[in-house]
């Protein structure tokens, strides 16, 4: 038998203890069940996803296409950094 230690936020640990207790088990039993399920199914027993990069959101792509059209049509306003900073202070 092996012992594994994990770090949990105090509030999350308390909430997990309460949840497990309401199901009639300890946190140790909870992790044992989780491990057995993962090993039996050979996968993590829930879906893990990462959020999409917001750069590729539909609204940003739309704005990029609009800017591209403006550049191609010569609708570009050029300003120096000093001019931009002056606009900011107005």
N, C-alpha and C. Protein backbone atom coordinates (compact mmCIF):
# COMPACT_ATOMS: atom_id res chain seq x y z
N UNK A 1 0.86 -1.18 0.00
CA UNK A 1 0.00 0.00 0.00
C UNK A 1 0.89 1.23 0.00
N UNK A 2 0.52 2.24 -0.79
CA UNK A 2 1.28 3.49 -0.92
C UNK A 2 0.44 4.64 -0.43
N UNK A 3 1.09 5.64 0.14
CA UNK A 3 0.42 6.86 0.58
C UNK A 3 0.74 7.96 -0.41
N UNK A 4 -0.27 8.69 -0.83
CA UNK A 4 -0.10 9.82 -1.74
C UNK A 4 -0.59 11.07 -1.03
N UNK A 5 0.19 12.12 -1.10
CA UNK A 5 -0.21 13.41 -0.51
C UNK A 5 -0.54 14.40 -1.62
N UNK A 6 -1.61 15.16 -1.41
CA UNK A 6 -1.96 16.21 -2.37
C UNK A 6 -2.23 17.50 -1.61
N UNK A 7 -2.09 18.61 -2.29
CA UNK A 7 -2.40 19.90 -1.69
C UNK A 7 -3.74 20.39 -2.23
N UNK A 8 -4.59 20.82 -1.31
CA UNK A 8 -5.89 21.39 -1.67
C UNK A 8 -6.08 22.70 -0.94
N UNK A 9 -6.79 23.60 -1.56
CA UNK A 9 -7.21 24.82 -0.89
C UNK A 9 -8.05 24.41 0.32
N UNK A 10 -7.89 25.10 1.44
CA UNK A 10 -8.61 24.73 2.67
C UNK A 10 -10.12 24.68 2.46
N UNK A 11 -10.66 25.67 1.77
CA UNK A 11 -12.11 25.70 1.54
C UNK A 11 -12.56 24.55 0.65
N UNK A 12 -11.76 24.23 -0.38
CA UNK A 12 -12.11 23.12 -1.27
C UNK A 12 -12.06 21.80 -0.52
N UNK A 13 -11.06 21.64 0.35
CA UNK A 13 -10.96 20.40 1.14
C UNK A 13 -12.18 20.25 2.04
N UNK A 14 -12.57 21.33 2.69
CA UNK A 14 -13.74 21.28 3.57
C UNK A 14 -14.99 20.92 2.78
N UNK A 15 -15.15 21.55 1.62
CA UNK A 15 -16.32 21.27 0.78
C UNK A 15 -16.31 19.82 0.30
N UNK A 16 -15.12 19.31 -0.07
CA UNK A 16 -15.01 17.92 -0.52
C UNK A 16 -15.32 16.97 0.62
N UNK A 17 -14.81 17.28 1.82
CA UNK A 17 -15.11 16.44 2.99
C UNK A 17 -16.62 16.38 3.24
N UNK A 18 -17.28 17.54 3.16
CA UNK A 18 -18.73 17.58 3.39
C UNK A 18 -19.48 16.79 2.33
N UNK A 19 -19.05 16.93 1.06
CA UNK A 19 -19.71 16.20 -0.01
C UNK A 19 -19.52 14.70 0.18
N UNK A 20 -18.28 14.28 0.44
CA UNK A 20 -18.01 12.86 0.63
C UNK A 20 -18.76 12.31 1.83
N UNK A 21 -18.78 13.08 2.91
CA UNK A 21 -19.49 12.64 4.11
C UNK A 21 -20.97 12.44 3.83
N UNK A 22 -21.55 13.34 3.02
CA UNK A 22 -22.98 13.19 2.70
C UNK A 22 -23.24 11.95 1.87
N UNK A 23 -22.18 11.42 1.23
CA UNK A 23 -22.30 10.18 0.44
C UNK A 23 -21.84 8.97 1.24
N UNK A 24 -21.45 9.21 2.50
CA UNK A 24 -21.05 8.11 3.36
C UNK A 24 -19.65 7.60 3.10
N UNK A 25 -18.76 8.48 2.64
CA UNK A 25 -17.38 8.05 2.38
C UNK A 25 -16.40 9.12 2.82
N UNK A 26 -15.15 8.73 2.89
CA UNK A 26 -14.07 9.67 3.21
C UNK A 26 -13.44 10.19 1.92
N UNK A 27 -12.59 11.20 2.04
CA UNK A 27 -11.86 11.70 0.88
C UNK A 27 -10.97 10.59 0.32
N UNK A 28 -10.39 9.80 1.19
CA UNK A 28 -9.54 8.69 0.75
C UNK A 28 -10.34 7.71 -0.12
N UNK A 29 -11.56 7.39 0.31
CA UNK A 29 -12.41 6.49 -0.47
C UNK A 29 -12.78 7.13 -1.81
N UNK A 30 -13.06 8.44 -1.77
CA UNK A 30 -13.37 9.17 -3.00
C UNK A 30 -12.24 9.02 -4.02
N UNK A 31 -11.01 9.27 -3.59
CA UNK A 31 -9.88 9.17 -4.52
C UNK A 31 -9.62 7.72 -4.96
N UNK A 32 -9.90 6.75 -4.08
CA UNK A 32 -9.75 5.35 -4.46
C UNK A 32 -10.76 5.01 -5.56
N UNK A 33 -12.02 5.46 -5.42
CA UNK A 33 -13.03 5.21 -6.44
C UNK A 33 -12.65 5.88 -7.76
N UNK A 34 -12.18 7.12 -7.66
CA UNK A 34 -11.75 7.86 -8.85
C UNK A 34 -10.64 7.10 -9.58
N UNK A 35 -9.65 6.64 -8.81
CA UNK A 35 -8.52 5.91 -9.39
C UNK A 35 -8.97 4.62 -10.06
N UNK A 36 -9.83 3.86 -9.38
CA UNK A 36 -10.31 2.60 -9.95
C UNK A 36 -11.08 2.84 -11.25
N UNK A 37 -11.91 3.88 -11.28
CA UNK A 37 -12.68 4.21 -12.49
C UNK A 37 -11.73 4.60 -13.62
N UNK A 38 -10.74 5.44 -13.33
CA UNK A 38 -9.78 5.87 -14.36
C UNK A 38 -9.00 4.68 -14.90
N UNK A 39 -8.57 3.79 -14.04
CA UNK A 39 -7.81 2.61 -14.47
C UNK A 39 -8.68 1.64 -15.27
N UNK A 40 -9.91 1.45 -14.83
CA UNK A 40 -10.81 0.53 -15.53
C UNK A 40 -11.13 1.04 -16.94
N UNK A 41 -11.41 2.35 -17.05
CA UNK A 41 -11.79 2.93 -18.34
C UNK A 41 -10.59 3.38 -19.17
N UNK A 42 -9.43 3.43 -18.54
CA UNK A 42 -8.18 3.88 -19.20
C UNK A 42 -8.32 5.31 -19.72
N UNK A 43 -9.02 6.15 -18.95
CA UNK A 43 -9.17 7.55 -19.29
C UNK A 43 -9.56 8.31 -18.03
N UNK A 44 -9.40 9.62 -18.08
CA UNK A 44 -9.85 10.46 -16.98
C UNK A 44 -11.38 10.44 -17.03
N UNK A 45 -12.05 10.19 -15.90
CA UNK A 45 -13.49 9.98 -15.93
C UNK A 45 -14.34 11.24 -16.06
N UNK A 46 -13.81 12.27 -16.63
CA UNK A 46 -14.57 13.46 -16.98
C UNK A 46 -13.82 14.19 -18.07
N UNK A 47 -14.52 15.07 -18.79
CA UNK A 47 -13.92 15.77 -19.91
C UNK A 47 -13.08 16.95 -19.42
N UNK A 48 -11.90 17.09 -19.97
CA UNK A 48 -11.03 18.22 -19.67
C UNK A 48 -10.86 19.01 -20.96
N UNK A 49 -11.17 20.29 -20.90
CA UNK A 49 -11.03 21.13 -22.08
C UNK A 49 -10.28 22.40 -21.73
N UNK A 50 -9.70 23.00 -22.72
CA UNK A 50 -9.03 24.28 -22.54
C UNK A 50 -9.81 25.32 -23.33
N UNK A 51 -9.93 26.51 -22.77
CA UNK A 51 -10.65 27.54 -23.52
C UNK A 51 -9.91 27.89 -24.80
N UNK A 52 -10.68 28.25 -25.81
CA UNK A 52 -10.08 28.67 -27.06
C UNK A 52 -9.32 29.97 -26.85
N UNK A 53 -8.31 30.16 -27.65
CA UNK A 53 -7.57 31.41 -27.62
C UNK A 53 -8.52 32.52 -28.06
N UNK A 54 -8.75 33.56 -27.21
CA UNK A 54 -9.71 34.60 -27.58
C UNK A 54 -9.34 35.34 -28.86
N UNK A 55 -8.08 35.26 -29.26
CA UNK A 55 -7.66 35.90 -30.51
C UNK A 55 -8.48 35.36 -31.68
N UNK A 56 -8.85 34.08 -31.63
CA UNK A 56 -9.56 33.44 -32.73
C UNK A 56 -11.08 33.46 -32.56
N UNK A 57 -11.59 34.28 -31.66
CA UNK A 57 -13.03 34.37 -31.49
C UNK A 57 -13.65 34.95 -32.76
N UNK A 58 -14.92 34.65 -32.99
CA UNK A 58 -15.58 35.12 -34.21
C UNK A 58 -15.62 36.64 -34.28
N UNK A 59 -15.82 37.30 -33.15
CA UNK A 59 -15.87 38.77 -33.18
C UNK A 59 -14.50 39.36 -33.52
N UNK A 60 -13.43 38.76 -33.01
CA UNK A 60 -12.10 39.27 -33.33
C UNK A 60 -11.74 39.00 -34.79
N UNK A 61 -12.07 37.82 -35.28
CA UNK A 61 -11.80 37.50 -36.69
C UNK A 61 -12.55 38.48 -37.59
N UNK A 62 -13.77 38.81 -37.21
CA UNK A 62 -14.56 39.77 -37.98
C UNK A 62 -13.87 41.13 -38.00
N UNK A 63 -13.37 41.57 -36.87
CA UNK A 63 -12.67 42.86 -36.80
C UNK A 63 -11.37 42.82 -37.61
N UNK A 64 -10.67 41.70 -37.58
CA UNK A 64 -9.43 41.58 -38.36
C UNK A 64 -9.72 41.64 -39.85
N UNK A 65 -10.80 40.99 -40.29
CA UNK A 65 -11.17 41.03 -41.71
C UNK A 65 -11.55 42.44 -42.12
N UNK A 66 -12.28 43.14 -41.24
CA UNK A 66 -12.66 44.52 -41.52
C UNK A 66 -11.41 45.40 -41.66
N UNK A 67 -10.46 45.24 -40.74
CA UNK A 67 -9.22 46.01 -40.80
C UNK A 67 -8.44 45.69 -42.07
N UNK A 68 -8.42 44.42 -42.46
CA UNK A 68 -7.73 44.01 -43.68
C UNK A 68 -8.36 44.69 -44.90
N UNK A 69 -9.69 44.72 -44.96
CA UNK A 69 -10.38 45.40 -46.08
C UNK A 69 -10.04 46.88 -46.11
N UNK A 70 -10.02 47.51 -44.94
CA UNK A 70 -9.70 48.94 -44.87
C UNK A 70 -8.27 49.21 -45.36
N UNK A 71 -7.36 48.37 -44.98
CA UNK A 71 -5.97 48.53 -45.42
C UNK A 71 -5.88 48.37 -46.93
N UNK A 72 -6.54 47.34 -47.45
CA UNK A 72 -6.51 47.09 -48.90
C UNK A 72 -7.17 48.23 -49.69
N UNK A 73 -8.16 48.90 -49.08
CA UNK A 73 -8.85 50.00 -49.75
C UNK A 73 -8.20 51.36 -49.49
N UNK A 74 -7.06 51.34 -48.82
CA UNK A 74 -6.36 52.59 -48.55
C UNK A 74 -7.00 53.45 -47.48
N UNK A 75 -7.82 52.85 -46.66
CA UNK A 75 -8.51 53.60 -45.60
C UNK A 75 -7.73 53.53 -44.30
N UNK A 76 -6.46 53.87 -44.38
CA UNK A 76 -5.58 53.76 -43.22
C UNK A 76 -5.18 55.16 -42.77
N UNK A 77 -5.25 55.39 -41.48
CA UNK A 77 -4.81 56.65 -40.90
C UNK A 77 -3.50 56.37 -40.18
N UNK A 78 -2.47 57.08 -40.55
CA UNK A 78 -1.17 56.88 -39.92
C UNK A 78 -0.91 57.99 -38.91
N UNK A 79 -0.49 57.60 -37.73
CA UNK A 79 -0.17 58.55 -36.67
C UNK A 79 1.14 58.11 -36.02
N UNK A 80 1.89 59.11 -35.59
CA UNK A 80 3.11 58.81 -34.83
C UNK A 80 2.70 58.53 -33.39
N UNK A 81 3.62 57.97 -32.61
CA UNK A 81 3.34 57.70 -31.21
C UNK A 81 3.03 59.00 -30.46
N UNK A 82 3.73 60.05 -30.80
CA UNK A 82 3.49 61.35 -30.16
C UNK A 82 2.07 61.84 -30.46
N UNK A 83 1.62 61.67 -31.70
CA UNK A 83 0.27 62.09 -32.06
C UNK A 83 -0.78 61.27 -31.31
N UNK A 84 -0.52 59.99 -31.19
CA UNK A 84 -1.45 59.13 -30.45
C UNK A 84 -1.51 59.52 -28.97
N UNK A 85 -0.35 59.79 -28.39
CA UNK A 85 -0.31 60.19 -26.98
C UNK A 85 -1.02 61.52 -26.78
N UNK A 86 -0.89 62.43 -27.76
CA UNK A 86 -1.58 63.72 -27.67
C UNK A 86 -3.09 63.51 -27.71
N UNK A 87 -3.56 62.59 -28.56
CA UNK A 87 -4.99 62.29 -28.64
C UNK A 87 -5.51 61.73 -27.30
N UNK A 88 -4.68 60.94 -26.67
CA UNK A 88 -5.06 60.32 -25.41
C UNK A 88 -5.28 61.38 -24.32
N UNK A 89 -4.49 62.44 -24.31
CA UNK A 89 -4.59 63.45 -23.27
C UNK A 89 -5.70 64.46 -23.53
N UNK A 90 -6.34 64.40 -24.69
CA UNK A 90 -7.43 65.34 -25.00
C UNK A 90 -8.68 65.01 -24.24
